[in-house]
């Protein structure tokens, strides 16, 4: 057995905003997703650096393990169902 060493990141198949994740979570928990009121960081007074992408690349993990990432909605649903 070939044991891979290192730290491997697992993610979903696409990036989504925290607001979209919260809306999916609301729906999963049976709440109205309109309760989520997205705001831009600048609107809240944040003046630090902003990043277009916030996820890590998982290509090496995919190639090494031969797996594909799950749908982002499924990933969030599983996390919220465990609450």
N, C-alpha and C. Protein backbone atom coordinates (compact mmCIF):
# COMPACT_ATOMS: atom_id res chain seq x y z
N UNK A 1 0.85 -1.18 0.00
CA UNK A 1 0.00 0.00 0.00
C UNK A 1 0.89 1.24 0.00
N UNK A 2 0.61 2.17 -0.89
CA UNK A 2 1.35 3.42 -0.98
C UNK A 2 0.67 4.45 -0.09
N UNK A 3 1.35 4.86 0.98
CA UNK A 3 0.78 5.83 1.90
C UNK A 3 1.24 7.23 1.53
N UNK A 4 0.29 8.09 1.26
CA UNK A 4 0.61 9.47 0.92
C UNK A 4 0.81 10.27 2.20
N UNK A 5 1.86 11.06 2.24
CA UNK A 5 2.12 11.89 3.40
C UNK A 5 1.77 13.33 3.06
N UNK A 6 1.37 14.06 4.07
CA UNK A 6 1.09 15.46 3.86
C UNK A 6 -0.30 15.84 4.35
N UNK A 7 -0.65 17.05 4.07
CA UNK A 7 -1.97 17.56 4.44
C UNK A 7 -2.76 17.71 3.15
N UNK A 8 -3.94 17.15 3.13
CA UNK A 8 -4.78 17.21 1.94
C UNK A 8 -6.07 17.94 2.25
N UNK A 9 -6.44 18.81 1.34
CA UNK A 9 -7.63 19.62 1.51
C UNK A 9 -8.78 19.00 0.72
N UNK A 10 -9.94 18.94 1.33
CA UNK A 10 -11.14 18.47 0.64
C UNK A 10 -12.12 19.63 0.56
N UNK A 11 -12.75 19.77 -0.55
CA UNK A 11 -13.66 20.88 -0.77
C UNK A 11 -14.80 20.40 -1.65
N UNK A 12 -15.66 21.30 -2.00
CA UNK A 12 -16.76 20.98 -2.92
C UNK A 12 -16.33 21.34 -4.34
N UNK A 13 -17.23 21.15 -5.28
CA UNK A 13 -16.85 21.30 -6.69
C UNK A 13 -16.80 22.75 -7.16
N UNK A 14 -17.26 23.71 -6.33
CA UNK A 14 -17.21 25.12 -6.74
C UNK A 14 -17.22 26.01 -5.50
N UNK A 15 -16.79 27.24 -5.70
CA UNK A 15 -16.82 28.24 -4.64
C UNK A 15 -18.22 28.82 -4.51
N UNK A 16 -18.64 29.10 -3.29
CA UNK A 16 -19.87 29.85 -3.06
C UNK A 16 -19.59 30.87 -1.97
N UNK A 17 -20.46 31.83 -1.85
CA UNK A 17 -20.30 32.85 -0.81
C UNK A 17 -20.79 32.31 0.53
N UNK A 18 -20.39 32.98 1.59
CA UNK A 18 -20.90 32.62 2.91
C UNK A 18 -22.41 32.85 2.96
N UNK A 19 -22.88 33.87 2.24
CA UNK A 19 -24.32 34.14 2.21
C UNK A 19 -25.08 32.98 1.58
N UNK A 20 -24.56 32.44 0.47
CA UNK A 20 -25.22 31.31 -0.17
C UNK A 20 -25.19 30.08 0.74
N UNK A 21 -24.08 29.88 1.43
CA UNK A 21 -23.99 28.76 2.38
C UNK A 21 -25.02 28.93 3.49
N UNK A 22 -25.18 30.15 3.99
CA UNK A 22 -26.17 30.41 5.05
C UNK A 22 -27.59 30.19 4.53
N UNK A 23 -27.87 30.58 3.29
CA UNK A 23 -29.20 30.36 2.71
C UNK A 23 -29.50 28.87 2.58
N UNK A 24 -28.53 28.09 2.15
CA UNK A 24 -28.71 26.64 2.06
C UNK A 24 -28.94 26.07 3.46
N UNK A 25 -28.16 26.56 4.42
CA UNK A 25 -28.32 26.12 5.81
C UNK A 25 -29.69 26.43 6.36
N UNK A 26 -30.19 27.64 6.10
CA UNK A 26 -31.54 28.01 6.54
C UNK A 26 -32.58 27.05 5.98
N UNK A 27 -32.51 26.80 4.70
CA UNK A 27 -33.47 25.89 4.06
C UNK A 27 -33.38 24.50 4.66
N UNK A 28 -32.16 24.04 4.94
CA UNK A 28 -31.96 22.72 5.53
C UNK A 28 -32.59 22.62 6.91
N UNK A 29 -32.48 23.70 7.68
CA UNK A 29 -33.03 23.72 9.04
C UNK A 29 -34.51 24.09 9.08
N UNK A 30 -35.10 24.37 7.91
CA UNK A 30 -36.53 24.69 7.84
C UNK A 30 -36.84 26.16 8.08
N UNK A 31 -35.83 27.03 7.98
CA UNK A 31 -36.05 28.46 8.14
C UNK A 31 -36.16 29.13 6.78
N UNK A 32 -36.74 30.30 6.74
CA UNK A 32 -36.85 31.08 5.52
C UNK A 32 -35.47 31.60 5.14
N UNK A 33 -35.01 31.28 3.95
CA UNK A 33 -33.67 31.72 3.53
C UNK A 33 -33.59 33.22 3.34
N UNK A 34 -34.73 33.90 3.31
CA UNK A 34 -34.74 35.37 3.23
C UNK A 34 -34.28 36.00 4.54
N UNK A 35 -34.10 35.20 5.58
CA UNK A 35 -33.55 35.72 6.83
C UNK A 35 -32.09 36.12 6.67
N UNK A 36 -31.43 35.56 5.67
CA UNK A 36 -30.03 35.89 5.40
C UNK A 36 -29.99 37.20 4.63
N UNK A 37 -29.28 38.17 5.16
CA UNK A 37 -29.16 39.50 4.54
C UNK A 37 -27.69 39.74 4.20
N UNK A 38 -27.28 39.36 2.99
CA UNK A 38 -25.87 39.51 2.61
C UNK A 38 -25.41 40.97 2.63
N UNK A 39 -24.19 41.18 3.05
CA UNK A 39 -23.56 42.49 3.05
C UNK A 39 -22.15 42.35 2.49
N UNK A 40 -21.70 43.37 1.81
CA UNK A 40 -20.32 43.41 1.34
C UNK A 40 -19.42 43.80 2.50
N UNK A 41 -18.21 43.30 2.52
CA UNK A 41 -17.27 43.60 3.60
C UNK A 41 -17.08 45.10 3.77
N UNK A 42 -16.97 45.82 2.67
CA UNK A 42 -16.78 47.28 2.72
C UNK A 42 -17.97 47.97 3.39
N UNK A 43 -19.19 47.45 3.15
CA UNK A 43 -20.39 48.02 3.78
C UNK A 43 -20.33 47.92 5.30
N UNK A 44 -19.62 46.91 5.78
CA UNK A 44 -19.52 46.68 7.22
C UNK A 44 -18.28 47.33 7.82
N UNK A 45 -17.57 48.13 7.02
CA UNK A 45 -16.42 48.86 7.53
C UNK A 45 -15.10 48.13 7.43
N UNK A 46 -15.07 46.98 6.76
CA UNK A 46 -13.82 46.23 6.60
C UNK A 46 -12.98 46.88 5.51
N UNK A 47 -11.73 47.20 5.84
CA UNK A 47 -10.84 47.85 4.88
C UNK A 47 -9.61 47.01 4.56
N UNK A 48 -9.61 45.76 4.97
CA UNK A 48 -8.47 44.88 4.71
C UNK A 48 -8.51 44.32 3.30
N UNK A 49 -7.59 43.41 3.00
CA UNK A 49 -7.55 42.82 1.66
C UNK A 49 -8.76 41.93 1.40
N UNK A 50 -9.21 41.94 0.17
CA UNK A 50 -10.33 41.09 -0.26
C UNK A 50 -9.80 40.11 -1.30
N UNK A 51 -10.27 38.89 -1.24
CA UNK A 51 -9.81 37.85 -2.15
C UNK A 51 -10.97 37.37 -3.01
N UNK A 52 -10.69 37.20 -4.30
CA UNK A 52 -11.73 36.72 -5.21
C UNK A 52 -12.07 35.26 -4.94
N UNK A 53 -11.07 34.45 -4.69
CA UNK A 53 -11.27 33.02 -4.40
C UNK A 53 -10.84 32.75 -2.97
N UNK A 54 -11.64 31.94 -2.28
CA UNK A 54 -11.31 31.64 -0.89
C UNK A 54 -11.11 30.15 -0.64
N UNK A 55 -11.16 29.35 -1.70
CA UNK A 55 -10.99 27.91 -1.51
C UNK A 55 -9.58 27.49 -1.90
N UNK A 56 -9.21 26.31 -1.46
CA UNK A 56 -7.91 25.76 -1.80
C UNK A 56 -8.05 24.80 -2.97
N UNK A 57 -7.02 24.70 -3.76
CA UNK A 57 -7.01 23.81 -4.92
C UNK A 57 -6.92 22.36 -4.44
N UNK A 58 -7.77 21.49 -4.98
CA UNK A 58 -7.77 20.09 -4.55
C UNK A 58 -7.36 19.13 -5.68
N UNK A 59 -6.73 19.67 -6.73
CA UNK A 59 -6.37 18.84 -7.87
C UNK A 59 -5.44 17.69 -7.46
N UNK A 60 -4.42 17.97 -6.63
CA UNK A 60 -3.48 16.91 -6.22
C UNK A 60 -4.22 15.81 -5.46
N UNK A 61 -5.14 16.20 -4.58
CA UNK A 61 -5.93 15.22 -3.83
C UNK A 61 -6.77 14.38 -4.79
N UNK A 62 -7.39 15.01 -5.76
CA UNK A 62 -8.21 14.29 -6.74
C UNK A 62 -7.37 13.28 -7.51
N UNK A 63 -6.20 13.72 -7.98
CA UNK A 63 -5.34 12.84 -8.77
C UNK A 63 -4.81 11.68 -7.93
N UNK A 64 -4.39 11.97 -6.71
CA UNK A 64 -3.81 10.95 -5.84
C UNK A 64 -4.83 9.91 -5.41
N UNK A 65 -6.02 10.37 -5.02
CA UNK A 65 -7.03 9.45 -4.49
C UNK A 65 -8.07 9.01 -5.51
N UNK A 66 -8.07 9.65 -6.68
CA UNK A 66 -9.03 9.27 -7.72
C UNK A 66 -10.47 9.57 -7.34
N UNK A 67 -10.68 10.66 -6.62
CA UNK A 67 -12.04 11.02 -6.20
C UNK A 67 -12.41 12.38 -6.77
N UNK A 68 -13.70 12.62 -6.87
CA UNK A 68 -14.20 13.92 -7.29
C UNK A 68 -14.89 14.58 -6.10
N UNK A 69 -14.81 15.90 -6.01
CA UNK A 69 -15.45 16.58 -4.89
C UNK A 69 -16.97 16.49 -4.99
N UNK A 70 -17.64 16.50 -3.83
CA UNK A 70 -19.11 16.46 -3.84
C UNK A 70 -19.69 17.80 -4.24
N UNK A 71 -20.97 17.80 -4.56
CA UNK A 71 -21.68 19.05 -4.83
C UNK A 71 -21.66 19.89 -3.57
N UNK A 72 -21.47 21.19 -3.72
CA UNK A 72 -21.36 22.08 -2.57
C UNK A 72 -22.64 22.07 -1.73
N UNK A 73 -23.78 21.97 -2.39
CA UNK A 73 -25.05 21.93 -1.65
C UNK A 73 -25.12 20.70 -0.73
N UNK A 74 -24.64 19.57 -1.23
CA UNK A 74 -24.64 18.34 -0.43
C UNK A 74 -23.73 18.50 0.79
N UNK A 75 -22.56 19.09 0.58
CA UNK A 75 -21.61 19.29 1.67
C UNK A 75 -22.21 20.15 2.78
N UNK A 76 -22.82 21.26 2.41
CA UNK A 76 -23.44 22.16 3.40
C UNK A 76 -24.64 21.49 4.06
N UNK A 77 -25.44 20.80 3.29
CA UNK A 77 -26.60 20.09 3.85
C UNK A 77 -26.14 19.11 4.92
N UNK A 78 -25.09 18.35 4.66
CA UNK A 78 -24.58 17.39 5.64
C UNK A 78 -24.11 18.09 6.91
N UNK A 79 -23.44 19.22 6.75
CA UNK A 79 -22.95 19.97 7.92
C UNK A 79 -24.12 20.48 8.75
N UNK A 80 -25.13 21.05 8.13
CA UNK A 80 -26.27 21.59 8.86
C UNK A 80 -27.16 20.49 9.45
N UNK A 81 -27.24 19.35 8.78
CA UNK A 81 -28.05 18.25 9.31
C UNK A 81 -27.47 17.69 10.60
N UNK A 82 -26.17 17.90 10.81
CA UNK A 82 -25.54 17.37 12.01
C UNK A 82 -25.73 18.28 13.22
N UNK A 83 -26.34 19.45 13.02
CA UNK A 83 -26.55 20.41 14.12
C UNK A 83 -27.68 19.92 15.01
